Protein backbone atom coordinates (compact mmCIF):
# COMPACT_ATOMS: atom_id res chain seq x y z
CA MET A 1 4.42 170.41 36.53
CA VAL A 2 7.21 171.79 38.66
CA TYR A 3 9.74 174.26 37.36
CA ARG A 4 12.76 175.56 39.05
CA GLY A 5 12.53 179.34 38.81
CA PRO A 6 15.18 182.23 39.44
CA GLY A 7 16.84 181.83 42.88
CA GLY A 8 15.85 178.27 43.22
CA VAL A 9 12.17 178.91 43.69
CA ASN A 10 9.90 176.15 42.76
CA VAL A 11 6.89 177.01 40.66
CA VAL A 12 4.08 174.52 40.55
CA ILE A 13 1.70 174.66 37.56
CA ASN A 14 -1.32 172.50 37.01
CA PRO A 15 -2.12 172.99 33.29
CA TYR A 16 -5.47 171.12 33.66
CA PHE A 17 -8.49 173.06 34.84
CA CYS A 18 -11.89 171.31 34.52
CA GLY A 19 -10.25 168.65 32.40
CA LYS A 20 -9.08 170.95 29.74
CA LEU A 21 -5.44 172.05 28.96
CA MET A 22 -5.24 175.74 29.68
CA GLU A 23 -2.74 178.18 28.32
CA MET A 24 -1.24 180.01 31.26
CA VAL A 25 0.33 183.37 30.55
CA LEU A 26 1.83 185.84 33.13
CA ARG A 27 2.49 189.18 31.74
CA ALA A 28 5.29 190.84 33.84
CA ALA A 29 6.97 194.26 33.74
CA LEU A 30 10.35 194.95 35.25
CA LEU A 31 10.41 198.67 36.08
CA GLN A 32 13.59 200.81 36.08
CA MET A 33 13.48 204.26 37.50
CA ASP A 34 15.96 206.93 38.57
CA ILE A 35 15.66 206.64 42.37
CA GLU A 36 15.99 209.99 44.34
CA TRP A 37 18.21 208.94 47.27
CA GLY A 38 16.24 208.91 50.43
CA LYS A 39 13.02 210.53 49.09
CA PRO A 40 10.24 207.98 49.46
CA ALA A 41 7.26 210.28 48.35
CA ALA A 42 9.06 211.42 45.27
CA ASN A 43 9.97 207.82 44.36
CA ARG A 44 6.48 206.52 44.83
CA ALA A 45 5.15 209.26 42.58
CA VAL A 46 7.66 208.21 39.77
CA ALA A 47 6.79 204.53 40.30
CA GLY A 48 3.09 205.35 40.26
CA ARG A 49 3.49 206.95 36.85
CA LEU A 50 5.35 204.03 35.53
CA VAL A 51 2.75 201.47 36.76
CA ARG A 52 -0.24 203.53 35.51
CA ALA A 53 1.35 203.62 32.05
CA LEU A 54 1.34 199.88 31.76
CA HIS A 55 -1.18 197.96 29.69
CA ASP A 56 -1.94 194.23 29.56
CA THR A 57 0.13 193.59 32.60
CA ASP A 58 -0.42 191.25 35.45
CA ILE A 59 2.55 192.07 37.79
CA ALA A 60 5.09 194.97 37.90
CA PHE A 61 8.38 194.51 39.68
CA LEU A 62 9.92 197.52 41.31
CA PRO A 63 13.55 197.94 42.04
CA GLU A 64 15.11 196.83 45.35
CA MET A 65 14.38 199.50 47.96
CA PHE A 66 12.52 201.51 45.40
CA THR A 67 11.42 204.15 47.82
CA THR A 68 14.78 205.13 49.23
CA GLY A 69 17.56 203.57 47.05
CA PHE A 70 19.77 200.77 48.40
CA MET A 71 20.73 202.46 51.57
CA ALA A 72 22.84 199.89 53.37
CA ALA A 73 24.50 202.57 55.62
CA ASP A 74 21.32 204.33 56.72
CA THR A 75 18.26 202.67 58.20
CA ALA A 76 16.57 205.91 59.48
CA LEU A 77 13.99 205.74 56.71
CA ALA A 78 12.57 202.47 57.75
CA GLU A 79 8.71 202.46 57.75
CA PRO A 80 6.22 200.28 59.44
CA MET A 81 4.08 197.75 57.40
CA GLU A 82 1.07 200.14 58.06
CA GLY A 83 3.24 202.94 56.66
CA PRO A 84 2.78 205.12 53.46
CA SER A 85 4.70 202.98 51.06
CA VAL A 86 2.97 199.57 51.76
CA GLU A 87 -0.36 201.41 51.63
CA TRP A 88 0.72 203.11 48.40
CA MET A 89 1.51 199.63 47.00
CA ARG A 90 -1.98 198.19 48.20
CA CYS A 91 -3.91 201.15 46.67
CA THR A 92 -1.96 201.33 43.40
CA ALA A 93 -2.42 197.52 42.83
CA ALA A 94 -6.12 197.84 43.53
CA GLU A 95 -6.59 200.81 41.32
CA THR A 96 -4.67 199.46 38.38
CA GLY A 97 -5.51 195.81 38.66
CA ILE A 98 -1.74 195.07 38.48
CA ALA A 99 0.12 193.16 41.25
CA LEU A 100 3.07 195.12 42.64
CA ALA A 101 6.30 193.57 43.99
CA GLY A 102 9.21 195.44 45.34
CA SER A 103 11.35 195.76 48.61
CA LEU A 104 11.41 198.39 51.17
CA ILE A 105 13.12 199.19 54.47
CA ILE A 106 10.66 198.05 57.11
CA GLY A 107 11.02 198.54 60.86
CA ASP A 108 8.81 196.67 63.29
CA GLY A 109 10.28 198.06 66.60
CA ARG A 110 13.11 195.59 66.79
CA GLU A 111 16.68 196.59 66.94
CA ARG A 112 17.39 196.21 63.15
CA PRO A 113 14.97 196.79 60.28
CA TYR A 114 14.27 194.30 57.49
CA ASN A 115 14.96 194.57 53.75
CA ARG A 116 11.46 193.31 53.03
CA PHE A 117 10.00 192.11 49.66
CA VAL A 118 6.39 193.26 49.70
CA PHE A 119 3.85 191.78 47.26
CA ALA A 120 0.54 193.69 46.85
CA PHE A 121 -2.23 191.72 45.15
CA PRO A 122 -4.92 193.71 43.20
CA ASP A 123 -7.56 192.33 45.53
CA GLY A 124 -5.98 194.27 48.50
CA ARG A 125 -3.89 191.35 50.07
CA ILE A 126 -0.39 191.99 51.11
CA ASP A 127 2.27 189.29 51.58
CA TRP A 128 5.93 189.65 52.17
CA TYR A 129 9.30 188.03 52.58
CA ASP A 130 12.23 189.31 54.58
CA LYS A 131 15.57 188.98 52.72
CA ARG A 132 17.40 185.98 54.13
CA HIS A 133 20.89 186.43 52.43
CA LEU A 134 21.92 189.89 53.10
CA PHE A 135 24.75 191.52 51.01
CA SER A 136 27.73 191.42 53.30
CA PHE A 137 30.05 193.55 51.02
CA SER A 138 27.97 196.58 51.61
CA GLY A 139 27.39 195.88 55.36
CA GLU A 140 23.75 195.14 54.85
CA ASP A 141 24.24 192.04 57.03
CA THR A 142 25.18 194.25 59.95
CA LEU A 143 22.48 196.89 59.65
CA TYR A 144 19.45 194.74 58.73
CA ALA A 145 17.91 191.69 60.35
CA PRO A 146 17.94 188.61 58.07
CA GLY A 147 14.63 186.85 57.41
CA CYS A 148 14.19 183.33 58.70
CA VAL A 149 11.09 182.04 56.91
CA ARG A 150 10.88 180.65 53.35
CA VAL A 151 7.74 182.19 51.73
CA VAL A 152 5.64 180.84 48.75
CA LEU A 153 3.17 183.21 47.37
CA ALA A 154 -0.04 181.52 45.82
CA GLU A 155 -2.45 183.26 43.48
CA PRO A 156 -6.07 181.99 43.56
CA GLN A 157 -7.45 179.77 40.66
CA PRO A 158 -8.51 181.53 37.63
CA LYS A 159 -12.17 182.90 37.68
CA LEU A 160 -14.85 181.02 35.89
CA PRO A 161 -18.28 182.12 34.66
CA THR A 162 -20.79 181.81 37.54
CA GLU A 163 -22.64 178.87 36.21
CA ARG A 164 -19.41 176.79 35.83
CA ARG A 165 -18.10 178.01 39.14
CA GLN A 166 -20.75 176.31 41.16
CA SER A 167 -20.31 172.93 39.53
CA ARG A 168 -16.66 172.73 38.94
CA THR A 169 -14.67 169.93 40.18
CA PHE A 170 -10.84 169.43 40.22
CA ARG A 171 -9.75 165.88 39.19
CA GLN A 172 -6.17 164.72 39.06
CA ARG A 173 -5.59 162.93 35.88
CA ARG A 174 -4.40 159.40 36.40
CA THR A 175 -2.85 156.99 34.06
CA THR A 176 -3.05 153.26 34.63
CA ARG A 177 -0.92 150.60 33.35
CA ASN A 178 -2.14 146.94 32.66
């Protein structure tokens, strides 16, 4: 099954797993917070309290540029991918078992930084997407570099008990007509 999600993103769902129809539920939280302008450490602390207070949640979405506020006129707070905010996302996702998603100002030594959407998986993996369509009315398009790659994030198949994991097969259901 293919669904057209927000922003034109295609979501592919295979509802059959080992020949059985599975109920697939994604429990998401959209976090709102009062962002302290230009104070990444303080904002990470607030976001951490919000994430740790969640229960029965698979993924938490943080606000755009959650560590600094939407600073279209100031890119001085850009961090590298190995910086404290991405590492905080990785550690918090691993600690809580909740995937984290949010954007940051990321610099990689080029002339302009990126408004980068970072996705931290609970198993420690990090994936990202650089915003492609920058907000021109605020001047974001003149201060930030646009992304040029379309990214699709994929989560691994659900875990099965060990005895079934070794013998599982994935079969595509076929219908035949006479």
